Structures are given as structure tokens and as C-alpha cells.
Protein backbone atom coordinates (compact mmCIF):
# COMPACT_ATOMS: atom_id res chain seq x y z
CA GLY A 1 -34.63 125.75 -65.31
CA THR A 2 -38.02 123.26 -63.94
CA GLU A 3 -35.63 121.60 -61.63
CA TYR A 4 -33.07 124.28 -60.03
CA ILE A 5 -36.54 126.26 -59.85
CA GLY A 6 -38.28 123.52 -57.66
CA ALA A 7 -34.81 123.20 -55.57
CA ARG A 8 -34.63 126.49 -54.61
CA SER A 9 -38.92 126.39 -53.34
CA LYS A 10 -37.85 122.77 -51.22
CA ARG A 11 -34.20 124.93 -49.40
CA VAL A 12 -36.94 127.77 -49.01
CA LEU A 13 -39.18 125.43 -48.00
CA ALA A 14 -36.68 123.92 -45.42
CA ARG A 15 -35.74 127.41 -43.71
CA ILE A 16 -39.78 127.47 -42.99
CA LEU A 17 -39.62 123.96 -41.57
CA LEU A 18 -36.69 124.44 -39.88
CA GLU A 19 -38.53 127.47 -37.99
CA THR A 20 -41.43 125.40 -37.16
CA SER A 21 -39.27 122.75 -35.77
CA GLN A 22 -40.74 120.48 -38.51
CA LEU A 23 -37.02 118.92 -38.81
CA GLY A 24 -37.57 115.36 -40.59
CA GLU A 25 -39.34 117.05 -43.47
CA ALA A 26 -36.93 120.11 -43.54
CA SER A 27 -33.76 117.58 -43.87
CA GLY A 28 -35.30 115.33 -46.39
CA LEU A 29 -36.01 118.81 -48.49
CA LEU A 30 -32.77 119.82 -48.27
CA SER A 31 -30.95 115.96 -48.74
CA GLU A 32 -33.31 116.69 -52.31
CA ALA A 33 -32.08 120.26 -52.56
CA HIS A 34 -28.97 119.25 -52.97
CA ALA A 35 -29.28 116.46 -55.16
CA GLN A 36 -31.19 118.77 -57.35
CA PHE A 37 -29.12 122.39 -57.00
CA ALA A 38 -25.58 119.80 -57.65
CA ARG A 39 -27.05 118.65 -60.96
CA THR A 40 -28.10 122.05 -62.17
CA VAL A 41 -25.76 124.48 -60.87
CA GLY A 42 -22.49 122.56 -60.03
CA ILE A 43 -21.50 122.14 -56.41
CA ARG A 44 -19.59 125.04 -56.54
CA HIS A 45 -22.65 127.71 -56.63
CA ALA A 46 -24.37 130.17 -53.91
CA ARG A 47 -26.86 127.86 -53.99
CA MET A 48 -24.30 125.06 -52.43
CA ALA A 49 -23.61 127.61 -49.90
CA GLU A 50 -27.17 128.58 -48.95
CA VAL A 51 -28.45 124.32 -48.52
CA ALA A 52 -24.74 123.83 -46.07
CA ALA A 53 -26.13 126.56 -44.07
CA CYS A 54 -29.69 124.98 -44.08
CA ARG A 55 -28.03 121.91 -42.68
CA SER A 56 -25.69 124.10 -40.19
CA GLU A 57 -29.25 125.11 -38.70
CA LEU A 58 -30.32 121.96 -38.64
CA PHE A 59 -27.38 120.16 -36.94
CA LEU A 60 -27.50 123.39 -34.44
CA ILE A 61 -31.08 122.59 -33.70
CA GLN A 62 -30.39 119.01 -33.61
CA GLY A 63 -27.39 119.58 -30.88
CA ARG A 64 -25.66 117.58 -33.55
CA PHE A 65 -22.36 119.88 -33.25
CA ALA A 66 -19.59 118.65 -34.90
CA GLU A 67 -21.92 118.22 -38.21
CA ALA A 68 -23.04 121.38 -37.58
CA GLU A 69 -19.56 123.10 -37.69
CA ALA A 70 -18.86 120.78 -41.04
CA ALA A 71 -21.64 122.11 -42.84
CA ALA A 72 -21.01 125.86 -41.81
CA ALA A 73 -17.23 125.18 -42.92
CA ARG A 74 -18.61 124.40 -46.32
CA CYS A 75 -20.66 127.06 -46.39
CA ASP A 76 -18.48 129.53 -45.41
CA SER A 77 -15.55 128.36 -47.37
CA LEU A 78 -17.78 128.40 -51.03
CA ARG A 79 -19.02 131.51 -49.91
CA GLN A 80 -15.43 132.74 -49.70
CA GLU A 81 -14.49 131.78 -53.73
CA ILE A 82 -17.71 133.23 -55.08
CA LEU A 83 -18.37 136.13 -52.49
CA SER A 84 -16.89 139.91 -52.16
CA PRO A 85 -14.77 139.88 -48.82
CA GLU A 86 -17.55 142.33 -47.50
CA HIS A 87 -20.60 140.62 -48.35
CA TRP A 88 -23.29 139.71 -44.83
CA ALA A 89 -23.17 136.24 -46.02
CA LEU A 90 -19.99 136.05 -45.14
CA VAL A 91 -20.60 136.72 -41.15
CA GLU A 92 -23.57 134.29 -41.10
CA ALA A 93 -21.56 131.29 -42.34
CA ARG A 94 -18.95 132.15 -39.73
CA LEU A 95 -22.05 132.91 -36.89
CA LEU A 96 -23.12 129.28 -37.60
CA ARG A 97 -19.42 127.47 -37.08
CA GLN A 98 -19.56 129.54 -33.90
CA ARG A 99 -21.94 129.00 -32.64
CA ALA A 100 -21.04 125.20 -33.57
CA ARG A 101 -18.06 126.04 -31.42
CA ILE A 102 -20.72 127.33 -28.36
CA GLY A 103 -21.99 123.56 -28.57
CA LEU A 104 -18.81 121.75 -28.74
CA GLY A 105 -17.64 123.50 -25.51
CA ASP A 106 -15.18 126.01 -26.88
CA ALA A 107 -17.27 129.06 -25.77
CA ASP A 108 -14.13 131.02 -24.74
CA ALA A 109 -12.73 130.40 -28.57
CA ALA A 110 -15.69 131.87 -30.35
CA GLU A 111 -16.02 134.67 -28.14
CA PRO A 112 -13.38 136.98 -30.01
CA GLU A 113 -14.81 135.96 -33.33
CA LEU A 114 -18.68 136.90 -32.53
CA LEU A 115 -17.36 140.56 -30.92
CA GLU A 116 -15.75 141.10 -34.30
CA MET A 117 -18.76 139.85 -36.14
CA GLY A 118 -20.60 142.22 -34.18
CA GLU A 119 -18.76 144.85 -35.05
CA THR A 120 -18.61 143.64 -38.90
CA VAL A 121 -22.50 143.39 -38.92
CA ARG A 122 -23.49 146.90 -37.38
CA ARG A 123 -20.94 148.70 -39.80
CA LEU A 124 -22.74 146.33 -43.01
CA LEU A 125 -26.16 145.91 -41.54
CA GLY A 126 -27.45 147.92 -38.49
CA ASP A 127 -28.51 147.06 -35.36
CA ASP A 128 -31.75 146.26 -36.77
CA HIS A 129 -30.55 143.65 -39.05
CA ALA A 130 -31.74 140.36 -37.91
CA LEU A 131 -27.78 139.01 -38.03
CA ALA A 132 -26.87 141.82 -35.57
CA TRP A 133 -29.61 139.97 -32.94
CA ALA A 134 -28.09 136.41 -34.12
CA VAL A 135 -24.81 137.74 -33.43
CA ALA A 136 -26.38 139.48 -29.64
CA ARG A 137 -27.62 136.17 -29.12
CA ALA A 138 -24.52 133.83 -29.33
CA ARG A 139 -22.74 136.58 -27.23
CA LEU A 140 -25.46 135.76 -24.65
CA GLU A 141 -24.49 132.33 -25.10
CA CYS A 142 -21.23 132.30 -24.94
CA ALA A 143 -21.62 134.18 -21.37
CA THR A 144 -24.61 131.53 -20.47
CA ALA A 145 -21.48 128.71 -21.15
CA SER A 146 -18.94 130.44 -18.78
CA ARG A 147 -22.09 130.78 -15.94
CA ASP A 148 -20.79 134.87 -15.54
CA GLU A 149 -23.65 135.76 -14.23
CA SER A 150 -22.65 139.96 -14.16
CA LEU A 151 -22.17 138.86 -17.90
CA ILE A 152 -24.99 137.13 -18.66
CA ALA A 153 -27.29 140.30 -17.37
CA ILE A 154 -25.11 142.52 -19.60
CA ARG A 155 -25.66 140.88 -22.61
CA ALA A 156 -29.09 140.09 -22.58
CA ALA A 157 -29.56 143.60 -21.79
CA ARG A 158 -27.95 144.46 -24.89
CA LEU A 159 -30.17 142.13 -27.19
CA ALA A 160 -33.53 143.15 -25.05
CA ARG A 161 -32.19 146.92 -25.75
CA LEU A 162 -31.67 145.70 -29.51
CA GLU A 163 -34.80 144.50 -30.26
CA HIS A 164 -36.42 147.31 -28.46
CA ASP A 165 -35.16 149.93 -30.41
CA SER A 166 -36.03 148.36 -33.60
CA ASN A 167 -39.09 147.64 -32.58
CA ARG A 168 -39.40 151.26 -31.36
CA ARG A 169 -38.30 152.60 -35.11
CA MET A 170 -40.12 150.33 -36.98
CA ARG A 171 -43.48 151.14 -34.59
CA GLU A 172 -42.36 154.99 -35.84
CA GLU A 173 -41.83 154.19 -39.16
CA SER A 174 -45.29 152.68 -40.12
CA GLU A 175 -47.15 155.86 -38.24
CA SER A 176 -45.28 158.17 -40.12
């Protein structure tokens, strides 16, 4: 119905606002979307997981890492209940959790999970997918936290290669 459609629109707009650093407005829309989804589809639904993922991203941007981890855990839990074990959205939820761990100062614990996620994303979606880039960025954050200059250089080069290769493929496809 109308309330459900309104909630979806608010969640989508909140994501756009996050990307444009309009955090206050994004937060308000996420709260409204959460309440509307709770009324229309219930608390155990994919839309509620999407709201939790957006909230986790908001908290990461704000440096509120414990809250980001809690929101990512809610997202992860919901998605594990309703999605197949190989669904890419599970990787997104796990990535949010690991980014929060990095922010909390536990990059060493995040690293093995990020390595596994990178392999999963490559297998499921390929290196051109935005999630592959996000995992590569998180691995660079781990290296930065460790202050290992050679590892930082390797990971920065990997991320640059992913972006370069993807841009080249898109140019080639648009020319053909």
C-alpha cells in the first residue's frame, strides 16, 4: 500500500542523502522508514535489513562505531534468516560489521573475514561490482590501521587496478 511505498522511497532517499553527506535528514528518514516498515511488513523482513544497513553506514560516517556494529549485526541476522547462504547481500552486512570493527580498533580481527569476503564477491559478482571495491577499500583501511607502509601500497595498488580495469571495460563496452 501507500505507506509501504512511502517507506521504500524514504529509505532510498536516505541512502542518497548519506552519499551527499546530508546526515541529519538521512537519519530522520531512516527512522520514519523503520516505523512504516514495522507497521506494514513487520520487523522480520528484507526491508528492515535494508534500513539497518543504511543506519550502519550512517553511524560509520559519524564515527559511531559501536552503534554501526550493532546495526550491521541486526542487518546480518535478518538477512541470514531470509536469504540463501550465497546471497551477495550477506556479504554487504558482514562488510559493514568489519568496517565497524576497524573503527573500533580491531583491524587484525577484521582482516581474515575481509579476505574471505573478497573471494566470495569475486566468485559471485566479479571484480567490477561495487561490493568488490568496497571490500578492497576496507582491506586498505586495515592496512592503514596497521601502519604497514608496504601493505598499504599493495592494497592501494589493488584498489586502483580494480577501478582502472572496470573503467576500461566500461569504455570498451560503450564503444562497441
